[in-house]
Every structure is written in structure tokens, then in C-alpha cells.
Amino acid sequence: MKSTMKVRSTFDFRGETFCYESDVDLPPYIDDIDLFLQQLPSRIAQQNQLDVISYKFEMLESSEIEVIRFDSRIDSAEIELPMPVETFLERYQQIGSDAYLQEIAQKHQLDWDTNTANALKAAYLLGRSQSSKASPPSNHPWF
């Protein structure tokens, strides 16, 4: 299942109110939330055919972006929308990995108990720490 969120930015410019919405894919884990947030206005502009060297884009960059809908493994009861995108992403990081790990446990017919959860979380953290390192040497026998 692919995770997405629908974001919206509304601002006034020269006597008009502009509202831009965009669907954004959510990765299982966002390594750098600040970078993700920095790139978000460009994604919104691209989906709405908004020129990135315009005053409207500058207004978009400086206005609040909120999440108005999301489709994810996360239980929607845990997140009350609309909410600022920064708050949503922080919450997504806190509870998102558990939702993915529960799905993995179900897929492999494992009971979701404390031991399974802890083992999967440890494997997940190990995998994340290893993925950020440089590529392995090509002469290693495992590769």
C-alpha cells in the first residue's frame, strides 16, 4: 500500500485568495523532515503549474501548508485533520514505522506481541543505520 497525503496552502495575494492542493507520496520513513518540508512548496507548485519564479510561489513558500487527507497504514483515528504539515510529519515519524512493522508481522504470520515488536524495531533501526552508509566495496564476498 502506497502512503500519500493531500496538502493545501491558502493565501491572499493582490486582493485574491489562492488555494493550492497537492497529493504527495510519503516514504515509509522520512530521514530529513526539514529537507522534505523545504521541497514541499516546489512539489505543490509543479502539480498546480505554478511558476517557481513568481510572486505567487514566494507567497506559497511563506504560507502555512496543512494536511487535509492522508492514506496510509497509520490508523486515521490517531490523527485529527486538518493539521499543519510539520505536526503531521512529526506524528507520522512517531507512529508510522509501527504500522509498517505490524503489516510485516501479519504478512509473515507472526503474532504482534512485545517480543516481535521489539525484534522488528531493532531490525528496522539496524537497516536504517546501514542504509545511510556508503555503498559496500565491490570485492566483498556477500555482494
Protein backbone atom coordinates (compact mmCIF):
# COMPACT_ATOMS: atom_id res chain seq x y z
CA MET A 1 0.00 0.00 0.00
CA LYS A 2 1.37 3.35 -1.04
CA SER A 3 1.15 6.14 1.54
CA THR A 4 0.08 9.59 0.41
CA MET A 5 -1.07 12.83 1.92
CA LYS A 6 -3.09 15.66 0.41
CA VAL A 7 -1.78 19.08 1.38
CA ARG A 8 -3.29 22.52 0.96
CA SER A 9 -1.94 26.02 1.11
CA THR A 10 -4.24 29.03 1.11
CA PHE A 11 -3.02 32.63 0.94
CA ASP A 12 -4.13 36.07 -0.16
CA PHE A 13 -2.24 37.85 -2.91
CA ARG A 14 -3.21 41.17 -4.52
CA GLY A 15 -6.78 41.01 -3.28
CA GLU A 16 -7.35 37.41 -4.36
CA THR A 17 -7.36 34.24 -2.30
CA PHE A 18 -5.38 31.37 -3.78
CA CYS A 19 -5.72 27.76 -2.69
CA TYR A 20 -3.31 25.14 -3.96
CA GLU A 21 -3.70 21.45 -3.21
CA SER A 22 -1.35 18.61 -3.99
CA ASP A 23 -1.03 14.86 -3.46
CA VAL A 24 2.36 13.91 -2.03
CA ASP A 25 3.78 10.40 -1.71
CA LEU A 26 5.01 9.52 1.76
CA PRO A 27 8.03 7.25 2.11
CA PRO A 28 8.00 4.66 4.92
CA TYR A 29 10.41 6.86 6.85
CA ILE A 30 11.48 10.47 6.22
CA ASP A 31 15.17 10.76 7.07
CA ASP A 32 15.25 14.56 6.96
CA ILE A 33 11.94 16.24 7.73
CA ASP A 34 13.41 19.71 7.20
CA LEU A 35 14.56 18.81 3.68
CA PHE A 36 11.17 17.21 2.94
CA LEU A 37 9.42 20.41 4.09
CA GLN A 38 11.82 22.59 2.10
CA GLN A 39 10.99 20.67 -1.11
CA LEU A 40 7.23 20.61 -0.49
CA PRO A 41 6.37 24.06 -1.98
CA SER A 42 8.12 23.08 -5.22
CA ARG A 43 6.09 19.87 -5.40
CA ILE A 44 2.87 21.80 -4.84
CA ALA A 45 3.86 24.36 -7.47
CA GLN A 46 4.71 21.68 -10.02
CA GLN A 47 1.37 19.89 -9.59
CA ASN A 48 -0.50 23.19 -9.89
CA GLN A 49 1.50 24.54 -12.87
CA LEU A 50 2.75 27.44 -10.77
CA ASP A 51 5.93 29.16 -11.95
CA VAL A 52 8.63 28.85 -9.26
CA ILE A 53 9.98 32.32 -10.05
CA SER A 54 6.70 34.11 -9.41
CA TYR A 55 5.38 36.13 -6.52
CA LYS A 56 2.65 33.54 -6.01
CA PHE A 57 5.34 30.92 -5.44
CA GLU A 58 7.05 33.17 -2.90
CA MET A 59 3.72 33.52 -1.11
CA LEU A 60 3.25 29.76 -1.26
CA GLU A 61 6.69 29.22 0.28
CA SER A 62 5.92 31.56 3.16
CA SER A 63 2.36 30.39 3.86
CA GLU A 64 1.28 27.54 6.11
CA ILE A 65 0.77 24.18 4.47
CA GLU A 66 -1.70 21.82 6.09
CA VAL A 67 -2.52 18.17 5.60
CA ILE A 68 -6.19 17.74 4.77
CA ARG A 69 -6.23 14.00 3.99
CA PHE A 70 -3.91 11.03 4.10
CA ASP A 71 -3.93 7.41 3.03
CA SER A 72 -1.51 5.28 4.99
CA ARG A 73 -1.12 2.20 7.14
CA ILE A 74 -1.44 4.51 10.14
CA ASP A 75 -4.78 4.34 11.92
CA SER A 76 -6.62 7.50 10.92
CA ALA A 77 -8.16 7.75 14.40
CA GLU A 78 -4.75 8.75 15.75
CA ILE A 79 -4.50 11.86 13.58
CA GLU A 80 -7.08 14.65 13.53
CA LEU A 81 -7.12 16.66 10.31
CA PRO A 82 -6.58 19.29 9.10
CA MET A 83 -3.24 19.84 10.79
CA PRO A 84 -0.03 21.71 9.91
CA VAL A 85 2.21 19.56 7.74
CA GLU A 86 5.13 19.86 10.20
CA THR A 87 2.99 18.43 13.01
CA PHE A 88 1.67 15.67 10.75
CA LEU A 89 5.16 14.61 9.64
CA GLU A 90 6.43 14.51 13.23
CA ARG A 91 3.44 12.35 14.20
CA TYR A 92 3.93 10.19 11.09
CA GLN A 93 7.54 9.57 12.12
CA GLN A 94 6.47 8.60 15.65
CA ILE A 95 3.78 6.10 14.73
CA GLY A 96 4.40 5.31 11.07
CA SER A 97 7.12 2.72 11.48
CA ASP A 98 4.98 0.68 13.90
CA ALA A 99 2.21 0.48 11.30
CA TYR A 100 4.66 -0.81 8.68
CA LEU A 101 6.17 -3.30 11.11
CA GLN A 102 2.72 -4.62 12.07
CA GLU A 103 1.99 -5.20 8.40
CA ILE A 104 5.27 -7.12 8.02
CA ALA A 105 4.39 -9.26 11.05
CA GLN A 106 0.95 -10.02 9.59
CA LYS A 107 2.44 -10.83 6.20
CA HIS A 108 4.76 -13.38 7.81
CA GLN A 109 2.03 -14.67 10.14
CA LEU A 110 3.76 -13.51 13.32
CA ASP A 111 1.86 -12.62 16.46
CA TRP A 112 2.22 -8.90 17.21
CA ASP A 113 3.43 -9.12 20.78
CA THR A 114 6.08 -7.18 22.68
CA ASN A 115 8.94 -9.52 21.69
CA THR A 116 8.02 -9.48 18.00
CA ALA A 117 7.58 -5.72 18.04
CA ASN A 118 10.95 -5.17 19.74
CA ALA A 119 12.74 -7.56 17.35
CA LEU A 120 11.25 -5.93 14.26
CA LYS A 121 12.02 -2.43 15.58
CA ALA A 122 15.64 -3.42 16.26
CA ALA A 123 15.95 -4.85 12.73
CA TYR A 124 14.34 -1.72 11.30
CA LEU A 125 16.74 0.58 13.16
CA LEU A 126 19.71 -1.54 12.11
CA GLY A 127 18.59 -1.39 8.49
CA ARG A 128 18.13 2.38 8.63
CA SER A 129 21.58 2.88 10.15
CA GLN A 130 23.18 0.70 7.48
CA SER A 131 21.34 2.28 4.55
CA SER A 132 22.85 5.67 5.22
CA LYS A 133 26.42 4.40 4.94
CA ALA A 134 28.40 4.40 1.73
CA SER A 135 27.92 1.59 -0.77
CA PRO A 136 29.75 -1.65 0.13
CA PRO A 137 33.06 -2.50 -1.50
CA SER A 138 32.54 -4.48 -4.68
CA ASN A 139 35.05 -7.19 -3.70
CA HIS A 140 33.09 -8.22 -0.59
CA PRO A 141 32.05 -11.92 -0.93
CA TRP A 142 28.40 -11.21 0.02
CA PHE A 143 27.83 -8.88 -2.92
